[in-house]
Amino acid sequence: MRRIDCPAVDCGHLHAASDEQLMQSVVRHVHEAHPEMSFRSHDAELLVHSGAYDDTEHTARKKQSLADLADVAGRASTGY
């Protein structure tokens, strides 16, 4: 599974089985959710090639962020 953040600020992310499907999803999403954006298929291709990542990377980053947060909370509760 491939994933990418929406180019609009604070919108979320999109995911698809392949980069090709992700490009199609990006174009469709931007046209439907952000019609004010001037966005073409070529823009989607550039965005996916520069910013798409495997879903497993996202899961690993999320787990690490949660572990870091737990570590900080643990140190804060002990005064360190």
PDB file of N, CA and C in Angstrom:
ATOM      1  N   MET A   1       0.848  -1.175   0.000  1.00  0.00           N
ATOM      2  CA  MET A   1       0.000   0.000   0.000  1.00  0.00           C
ATOM      3  C   MET A   1       0.891   1.235   0.000  1.00  0.00           C
ATOM      4  N   ARG A   2       0.561   2.179  -0.857  1.00  0.00           N
ATOM      5  CA  ARG A   2       1.300   3.440  -0.949  1.00  0.00           C
ATOM      6  C   ARG A   2       0.448   4.552  -0.364  1.00  0.00           C
ATOM      7  N   ARG A   3       1.101   5.547   0.169  1.00  0.00           N
ATOM      8  CA  ARG A   3       0.417   6.608   0.896  1.00  0.00           C
ATOM      9  C   ARG A   3       1.062   7.953   0.565  1.00  0.00           C
ATOM     10  N   ILE A   4       0.254   9.021   0.635  1.00  0.00           N
ATOM     11  CA  ILE A   4       0.780  10.374   0.431  1.00  0.00           C
ATOM     12  C   ILE A   4      -0.108  11.353   1.168  1.00  0.00           C
ATOM     13  N   ASP A   5       0.495  12.434   1.630  1.00  0.00           N
ATOM     14  CA  ASP A   5      -0.281  13.498   2.269  1.00  0.00           C
ATOM     15  C   ASP A   5      -0.928  14.350   1.197  1.00  0.00           C
ATOM     16  N   CYS A   6      -2.139  14.782   1.460  1.00  0.00           N
ATOM     17  CA  CYS A   6      -2.829  15.668   0.531  1.00  0.00           C
ATOM     18  C   CYS A   6      -2.029  16.965   0.412  1.00  0.00           C
ATOM     19  N   PRO A   7      -1.948  17.537  -0.778  1.00  0.00           N
ATOM     20  CA  PRO A   7      -1.201  18.788  -0.948  1.00  0.00           C
ATOM     21  C   PRO A   7      -1.850  19.985  -0.239  1.00  0.00           C
ATOM     22  N   ALA A   8      -3.112  19.865   0.142  1.00  0.00           N
ATOM     23  CA  ALA A   8      -3.777  20.942   0.876  1.00  0.00           C
ATOM     24  C   ALA A   8      -3.399  20.849   2.363  1.00  0.00           C
ATOM     25  N   VAL A   9      -3.231  21.980   2.984  1.00  0.00           N
ATOM     26  CA  VAL A   9      -2.837  22.033   4.383  1.00  0.00           C
ATOM     27  C   VAL A   9      -3.929  21.420   5.266  1.00  0.00           C
ATOM     28  N   ASP A  10      -3.522  20.580   6.210  1.00  0.00           N
ATOM     29  CA  ASP A  10      -4.411  19.975   7.203  1.00  0.00           C
ATOM     30  C   ASP A  10      -5.559  19.167   6.614  1.00  0.00           C
ATOM     31  N   CYS A  11      -5.338  18.537   5.484  1.00  0.00           N
ATOM     32  CA  CYS A  11      -6.414  17.770   4.856  1.00  0.00           C
ATOM     33  C   CYS A  11      -6.357  16.300   5.230  1.00  0.00           C
ATOM     34  N   GLY A  12      -5.195  15.722   5.254  1.00  0.00           N
ATOM     35  CA  GLY A  12      -5.095  14.303   5.552  1.00  0.00           C
ATOM     36  C   GLY A  12      -4.209  13.599   4.548  1.00  0.00           C
ATOM     37  N   HIS A  13      -4.486  12.324   4.340  1.00  0.00           N
ATOM     38  CA  HIS A  13      -3.661  11.552   3.430  1.00  0.00           C
ATOM     39  C   HIS A  13      -4.530  10.683   2.526  1.00  0.00           C
ATOM     40  N   LEU A  14      -3.900  10.227   1.472  1.00  0.00           N
ATOM     41  CA  LEU A  14      -4.546   9.337   0.509  1.00  0.00           C
ATOM     42  C   LEU A  14      -3.712   8.070   0.422  1.00  0.00           C
ATOM     43  N   HIS A  15      -4.345   6.975   0.068  1.00  0.00           N
ATOM     44  CA  HIS A  15      -3.593   5.736  -0.093  1.00  0.00           C
ATOM     45  C   HIS A  15      -4.174   4.919  -1.239  1.00  0.00           C
ATOM     46  N   ALA A  16      -3.313   4.081  -1.821  1.00  0.00           N
ATOM     47  CA  ALA A  16      -3.705   3.223  -2.942  1.00  0.00           C
ATOM     48  C   ALA A  16      -2.707   2.075  -3.037  1.00  0.00           C
ATOM     49  N   ALA A  17      -3.033   1.097  -3.829  1.00  0.00           N
ATOM     50  CA  ALA A  17      -2.195  -0.091  -3.960  1.00  0.00           C
ATOM     51  C   ALA A  17      -0.893   0.173  -4.716  1.00  0.00           C
ATOM     52  N   SER A  18      -0.896   1.153  -5.611  1.00  0.00           N
ATOM     53  CA  SER A  18       0.296   1.441  -6.418  1.00  0.00           C
ATOM     54  C   SER A  18       0.436   2.944  -6.625  1.00  0.00           C
ATOM     55  N   ASP A  19       1.594   3.352  -7.106  1.00  0.00           N
ATOM     56  CA  ASP A  19       1.801   4.772  -7.401  1.00  0.00           C
ATOM     57  C   ASP A  19       0.854   5.254  -8.497  1.00  0.00           C
ATOM     58  N   GLU A  20       0.625   4.416  -9.497  1.00  0.00           N
ATOM     59  CA  GLU A  20      -0.293   4.792 -10.584  1.00  0.00           C
ATOM     60  C   GLU A  20      -1.700   5.055 -10.038  1.00  0.00           C
ATOM     61  N   GLN A  21      -2.180   4.167  -9.197  1.00  0.00           N
ATOM     62  CA  GLN A  21      -3.506   4.356  -8.592  1.00  0.00           C
ATOM     63  C   GLN A  21      -3.504   5.545  -7.643  1.00  0.00           C
ATOM     64  N   LEU A  22      -2.374   5.768  -6.975  1.00  0.00           N
ATOM     65  CA  LEU A  22      -2.269   6.910  -6.066  1.00  0.00           C
ATOM     66  C   LEU A  22      -2.350   8.222  -6.842  1.00  0.00           C
ATOM     67  N   MET A  23      -1.718   8.288  -8.011  1.00  0.00           N
ATOM     68  CA  MET A  23      -1.800   9.493  -8.846  1.00  0.00           C
ATOM     69  C   MET A  23      -3.247   9.771  -9.245  1.00  0.00           C
ATOM     70  N   GLN A  24      -3.961   8.726  -9.628  1.00  0.00           N
ATOM     71  CA  GLN A  24      -5.369   8.885  -9.991  1.00  0.00           C
ATOM     72  C   GLN A  24      -6.197   9.353  -8.791  1.00  0.00           C
ATOM     73  N   SER A  25      -5.906   8.814  -7.626  1.00  0.00           N
ATOM     74  CA  SER A  25      -6.622   9.209  -6.410  1.00  0.00           C
ATOM     75  C   SER A  25      -6.349  10.667  -6.053  1.00  0.00           C
ATOM     76  N   VAL A  26      -5.103  11.080  -6.218  1.00  0.00           N
ATOM     77  CA  VAL A  26      -4.736  12.464  -5.920  1.00  0.00           C
ATOM     78  C   VAL A  26      -5.499  13.423  -6.838  1.00  0.00           C
ATOM     79  N   VAL A  27      -5.490  13.142  -8.133  1.00  0.00           N
ATOM     80  CA  VAL A  27      -6.189  14.009  -9.091  1.00  0.00           C
ATOM     81  C   VAL A  27      -7.680  14.075  -8.757  1.00  0.00           C
ATOM     82  N   ARG A  28      -8.283  12.927  -8.530  1.00  0.00           N
ATOM     83  CA  ARG A  28      -9.719  12.870  -8.213  1.00  0.00           C
ATOM     84  C   ARG A  28     -10.019  13.623  -6.902  1.00  0.00           C
ATOM     85  N   HIS A  29      -9.200  13.385  -5.882  1.00  0.00           N
ATOM     86  CA  HIS A  29      -9.408  14.038  -4.594  1.00  0.00           C
ATOM     87  C   HIS A  29      -9.290  15.555  -4.698  1.00  0.00           C
ATOM     88  N   VAL A  30      -8.248  16.031  -5.351  1.00  0.00           N
ATOM     89  CA  VAL A  30      -8.037  17.477  -5.464  1.00  0.00           C
ATOM     90  C   VAL A  30      -9.177  18.128  -6.240  1.00  0.00           C
ATOM     91  N   HIS A  31      -9.619  17.503  -7.315  1.00  0.00           N
ATOM     92  CA  HIS A  31     -10.722  18.075  -8.094  1.00  0.00           C
ATOM     93  C   HIS A  31     -12.028  18.095  -7.303  1.00  0.00           C
ATOM     94  N   GLU A  32     -12.256  17.066  -6.487  1.00  0.00           N
ATOM     95  CA  GLU A  32     -13.503  16.989  -5.711  1.00  0.00           C
ATOM     96  C   GLU A  32     -13.456  17.810  -4.429  1.00  0.00           C
ATOM     97  N   ALA A  33     -12.363  17.695  -3.683  1.00  0.00           N
ATOM     98  CA  ALA A  33     -12.284  18.338  -2.365  1.00  0.00           C
ATOM     99  C   ALA A  33     -11.691  19.739  -2.397  1.00  0.00           C
ATOM    100  N   HIS A  34     -10.893  20.028  -3.399  1.00  0.00           N
ATOM    101  CA  HIS A  34     -10.194  21.320  -3.477  1.00  0.00           C
ATOM    102  C   HIS A  34     -10.286  21.898  -4.886  1.00  0.00           C
ATOM    103  N   PRO A  35     -11.474  22.163  -5.376  1.00  0.00           N
ATOM    104  CA  PRO A  35     -11.617  22.637  -6.762  1.00  0.00           C
ATOM    105  C   PRO A  35     -10.934  23.985  -7.016  1.00  0.00           C
ATOM    106  N   GLU A  36     -10.625  24.707  -5.956  1.00  0.00           N
ATOM    107  CA  GLU A  36      -9.961  26.007  -6.121  1.00  0.00           C
ATOM    108  C   GLU A  36      -8.482  25.856  -6.488  1.00  0.00           C
ATOM    109  N   MET A  37      -7.932  24.663  -6.288  1.00  0.00           N
ATOM    110  CA  MET A  37      -6.522  24.437  -6.608  1.00  0.00           C
ATOM    111  C   MET A  37      -6.365  24.165  -8.103  1.00  0.00           C
ATOM    112  N   SER A  38      -5.364  24.770  -8.680  1.00  0.00           N
ATOM    113  CA  SER A  38      -5.038  24.497 -10.081  1.00  0.00           C
ATOM    114  C   SER A  38      -4.081  23.308 -10.075  1.00  0.00           C
ATOM    115  N   PHE A  39      -4.600  22.137 -10.375  1.00  0.00           N
ATOM    116  CA  PHE A  39      -3.830  20.902 -10.217  1.00  0.00           C
ATOM    117  C   PHE A  39      -4.076  20.008 -11.414  1.00  0.00           C
ATOM    118  N   ARG A  40      -2.990  19.590 -12.071  1.00  0.00           N
ATOM    119  CA  ARG A  40      -3.100  18.759 -13.267  1.00  0.00           C
ATOM    120  C   ARG A  40      -2.538  17.364 -12.995  1.00  0.00           C
ATOM    121  N   SER A  41      -2.739  16.472 -13.928  1.00  0.00           N
ATOM    122  CA  SER A  41      -2.217  15.110 -13.800  1.00  0.00           C
ATOM    123  C   SER A  41      -0.700  15.113 -13.633  1.00  0.00           C
ATOM    124  N   HIS A  42      -0.027  16.011 -14.345  1.00  0.00           N
ATOM    125  CA  HIS A  42       1.429  16.103 -14.230  1.00  0.00           C
ATOM    126  C   HIS A  42       1.838  16.499 -12.805  1.00  0.00           C
ATOM    127  N   ASP A  43       1.062  17.388 -12.188  1.00  0.00           N
ATOM    128  CA  ASP A  43       1.337  17.788 -10.808  1.00  0.00           C
ATOM    129  C   ASP A  43       1.200  16.587  -9.866  1.00  0.00           C
ATOM    130  N   ALA A  44       0.201  15.765 -10.100  1.00  0.00           N
ATOM    131  CA  ALA A  44      -0.008  14.568  -9.282  1.00  0.00           C
ATOM    132  C   ALA A  44       1.164  13.606  -9.441  1.00  0.00           C
ATOM    133  N   GLU A  45       1.634  13.463 -10.665  1.00  0.00           N
ATOM    134  CA  GLU A  45       2.779  12.585 -10.917  1.00  0.00           C
ATOM    135  C   GLU A  45       4.008  13.063 -10.150  1.00  0.00           C
ATOM    136  N   LEU A  46       4.287  14.357 -10.215  1.00  0.00           N
ATOM    137  CA  LEU A  46       5.434  14.911  -9.487  1.00  0.00           C
ATOM    138  C   LEU A  46       5.258  14.740  -7.980  1.00  0.00           C
ATOM    139  N   LEU A  47       4.064  14.996  -7.495  1.00  0.00           N
ATOM    140  CA  LEU A  47       3.796  14.875  -6.068  1.00  0.00           C
ATOM    141  C   LEU A  47       4.000  13.440  -5.589  1.00  0.00           C
ATOM    142  N   VAL A  48       3.465  12.478  -6.318  1.00  0.00           N
ATOM    143  CA  VAL A  48       3.591  11.070  -5.924  1.00  0.00           C
ATOM    144  C   VAL A  48       5.049  10.621  -5.998  1.00  0.00           C
ATOM    145  N   HIS A  49       5.748  10.996  -7.055  1.00  0.00           N
ATOM    146  CA  HIS A  49       7.146  10.583  -7.180  1.00  0.00           C
ATOM    147  C   HIS A  49       8.031  11.203  -6.103  1.00  0.00           C
ATOM    148  N   SER A  50       7.677  12.367  -5.617  1.00  0.00           N
ATOM    149  CA  SER A  50       8.517  13.019  -4.614  1.00  0.00           C
ATOM    150  C   SER A  50       8.061  12.773  -3.176  1.00  0.00           C
ATOM    151  N   GLY A  51       6.790  12.376  -2.983  1.00  0.00           N
ATOM    152  CA  GLY A  51       6.321  12.302  -1.603  1.00  0.00           C
ATOM    153  C   GLY A  51       5.601  11.047  -1.165  1.00  0.00           C
ATOM    154  N   ALA A  52       5.390  10.096  -2.073  1.00  0.00           N
ATOM    155  CA  ALA A  52       4.677   8.877  -1.679  1.00  0.00           C
ATOM    156  C   ALA A  52       5.605   7.972  -0.868  1.00  0.00           C
ATOM    157  N   TYR A  53       5.027   7.222   0.037  1.00  0.00           N
ATOM    158  CA  TYR A  53       5.811   6.294   0.850  1.00  0.00           C
ATOM    159  C   TYR A  53       4.980   5.045   1.129  1.00  0.00           C
ATOM    160  N   ASP A  54       5.668   3.989   1.517  1.00  0.00           N
ATOM    161  CA  ASP A  54       4.988   2.740   1.841  1.00  0.00           C
ATOM    162  C   ASP A  54       4.228   2.900   3.143  1.00  0.00           C
ATOM    163  N   ASP A  55       3.087   2.278   3.208  1.00  0.00           N
ATOM    164  CA  ASP A  55       2.262   2.331   4.412  1.00  0.00           C
ATOM    165  C   ASP A  55       3.020   1.789   5.617  1.00  0.00           C
ATOM    166  N   THR A  56       3.922   0.838   5.407  1.00  0.00           N
ATOM    167  CA  THR A  56       4.692   0.274   6.515  1.00  0.00           C
ATOM    168  C   THR A  56       5.593   1.336   7.138  1.00  0.00           C
ATOM    169  N   GLU A  57       6.105   2.263   6.335  1.00  0.00           N
ATOM    170  CA  GLU A  57       6.915   3.358   6.868  1.00  0.00           C
ATOM    171  C   GLU A  57       6.068   4.240   7.773  1.00  0.00           C
ATOM    172  N   HIS A  58       4.834   4.511   7.358  1.00  0.00           N
ATOM    173  CA  HIS A  58       3.932   5.330   8.155  1.00  0.00           C
ATOM    174  C   HIS A  58       3.652   4.655   9.486  1.00  0.00           C
ATOM    175  N   THR A  59       3.386   3.360   9.459  1.00  0.00           N
ATOM    176  CA  THR A  59       3.090   2.617  10.681  1.00  0.00           C
ATOM    177  C   THR A  59       4.296   2.639  11.614  1.00  0.00           C
ATOM    178  N   ALA A  60       5.489   2.451  11.068  1.00  0.00           N
ATOM    179  CA  ALA A  60       6.701   2.467  11.886  1.00  0.00           C
ATOM    180  C   ALA A  60       6.923   3.847  12.499  1.00  0.00           C
ATOM    181  N   ARG A  61       6.711   4.914  11.709  1.00  0.00           N
ATOM    182  CA  ARG A  61       6.877   6.274  12.237  1.00  0.00           C
ATOM    183  C   ARG A  61       5.859   6.558  13.325  1.00  0.00           C
ATOM    184  N   LYS A  62       4.627   6.091  13.140  1.00  0.00           N
ATOM    185  CA  LYS A  62       3.586   6.322  14.127  1.00  0.00           C
ATOM    186  C   LYS A  62       3.925   5.600  15.432  1.00  0.00           C
ATOM    187  N   LYS A  63       4.390   4.352  15.333  1.00  0.00           N
ATOM    188  CA  LYS A  63       4.777   3.597  16.527  1.00  0.00           C
ATOM    189  C   LYS A  63       5.925   4.293  17.242  1.00  0.00           C
ATOM    190  N   GLN A  64       6.912   4.791  16.477  1.00  0.00           N
ATOM    191  CA  GLN A  64       8.042   5.479  17.088  1.00  0.00           C
ATOM    192  C   GLN A  64       7.583   6.765  17.768  1.00  0.00           C
ATOM    193  N   SER A  65       6.684   7.501  17.154  1.00  0.00           N
ATOM    194  CA  SER A  65       6.171   8.724  17.755  1.00  0.00           C
ATOM    195  C   SER A  65       5.449   8.427  19.061  1.00  0.00           C
ATOM    196  N   LEU A  66       4.666   7.368  19.083  1.00  0.00           N
ATOM    197  CA  LEU A  66       3.962   6.981  20.310  1.00  0.00           C
ATOM    198  C   LEU A  66       4.953   6.548  21.386  1.00  0.00           C
ATOM    199  N   ALA A  67       5.994   5.830  20.994  1.00  0.00           N
ATOM    200  CA  ALA A  67       7.018   5.414  21.954  1.00  0.00           C
ATOM    201  C   ALA A  67       7.750   6.628  22.511  1.00  0.00           C
ATOM    202  N   ASP A  68       8.078   7.589  21.645  1.00  0.00           N
ATOM    203  CA  ASP A  68       8.733   8.815  22.098  1.00  0.00           C
ATOM    204  C   ASP A  68       7.845   9.587  23.064  1.00  0.00           C
ATOM    205  N   LEU A  69       6.563   9.669  22.767  1.00  0.00           N
ATOM    206  CA  LEU A  69       5.620  10.364  23.624  1.00  0.00           C
ATOM    207  C   LEU A  69       5.527   9.685  24.982  1.00  0.00           C
ATOM    208  N   ALA A  70       5.472   8.367  25.004  1.00  0.00           N
ATOM    209  CA  ALA A  70       5.418   7.623  26.265  1.00  0.00           C
ATOM    210  C   ALA A  70       6.685   7.842  27.074  1.00  0.00           C
ATOM    211  N   ASP A  71       7.832   7.904  26.390  1.00  0.00           N
ATOM    212  CA  ASP A  71       9.097   8.136  27.074  1.00  0.00           C
ATOM    213  C   ASP A  71       9.118   9.525  27.713  1.00  0.00           C
ATOM    214  N   VAL A  72       8.668  10.522  26.980  1.00  0.00           N
ATOM    215  CA  VAL A  72       8.629  11.888  27.502  1.00  0.00           C
ATOM    216  C   VAL A  72       7.661  11.971  28.686  1.00  0.00           C
ATOM    217  N   ALA A  73       6.513  11.336  28.561  1.00  0.00           N
ATOM    218  CA  ALA A  73       5.533  11.346  29.646  1.00  0.00           C
ATOM    219  C   ALA A  73       6.101  10.651  30.873  1.00  0.00           C
ATOM    220  N   GLY A  74       6.813   9.563  30.665  1.00  0.00           N
ATOM    221  CA  GLY A  74       7.422   8.835  31.787  1.00  0.00           C
ATOM    222  C   GLY A  74       8.464   9.667  32.488  1.00  0.00           C
ATOM    223  N   ARG A  75       9.292  10.362  31.726  1.00  0.00           N
ATOM    224  CA  ARG A  75      10.312  11.227  32.333  1.00  0.00           C
ATOM    225  C   ARG A  75       9.668  12.393  33.053  1.00  0.00           C
ATOM    226  N   ALA A  76       8.613  12.934  32.515  1.00  0.00           N
ATOM    227  CA  ALA A  76       7.960  14.068  33.140  1.00  0.00           C
ATOM    228  C   ALA A  76       7.329  13.664  34.473  1.00  0.00           C
ATOM    229  N   SER A  77       6.795  12.461  34.552  1.00  0.00           N
ATOM    230  CA  SER A  77       6.158  12.033  35.793  1.00  0.00           C
ATOM    231  C   SER A  77       7.161  11.704  36.884  1.00  0.00           C
ATOM    232  N   THR A  78       8.424  11.422  36.496  1.00  0.00           N
ATOM    233  CA  THR A  78       9.453  11.128  37.507  1.00  0.00           C
ATOM    234  C   THR A  78      10.320  12.347  37.794  1.00  0.00           C
ATOM    235  N   GLY A  79      10.085  13.430  37.077  1.00  0.00           N
ATOM    236  CA  GLY A  79      10.853  14.652  37.312  1.00  0.00           C
ATOM    237  C   GLY A  79      12.181  14.706  36.593  1.00  0.00           C
ATOM    238  N   TYR A  80      12.444  13.823  35.651  1.00  0.00           N
ATOM    239  CA  TYR A  80      13.720  13.828  34.919  1.00  0.00           C
ATOM    240  C   TYR A  80      13.583  14.477  33.581  1.00  0.00           C
TER     241      TYR A  80
END
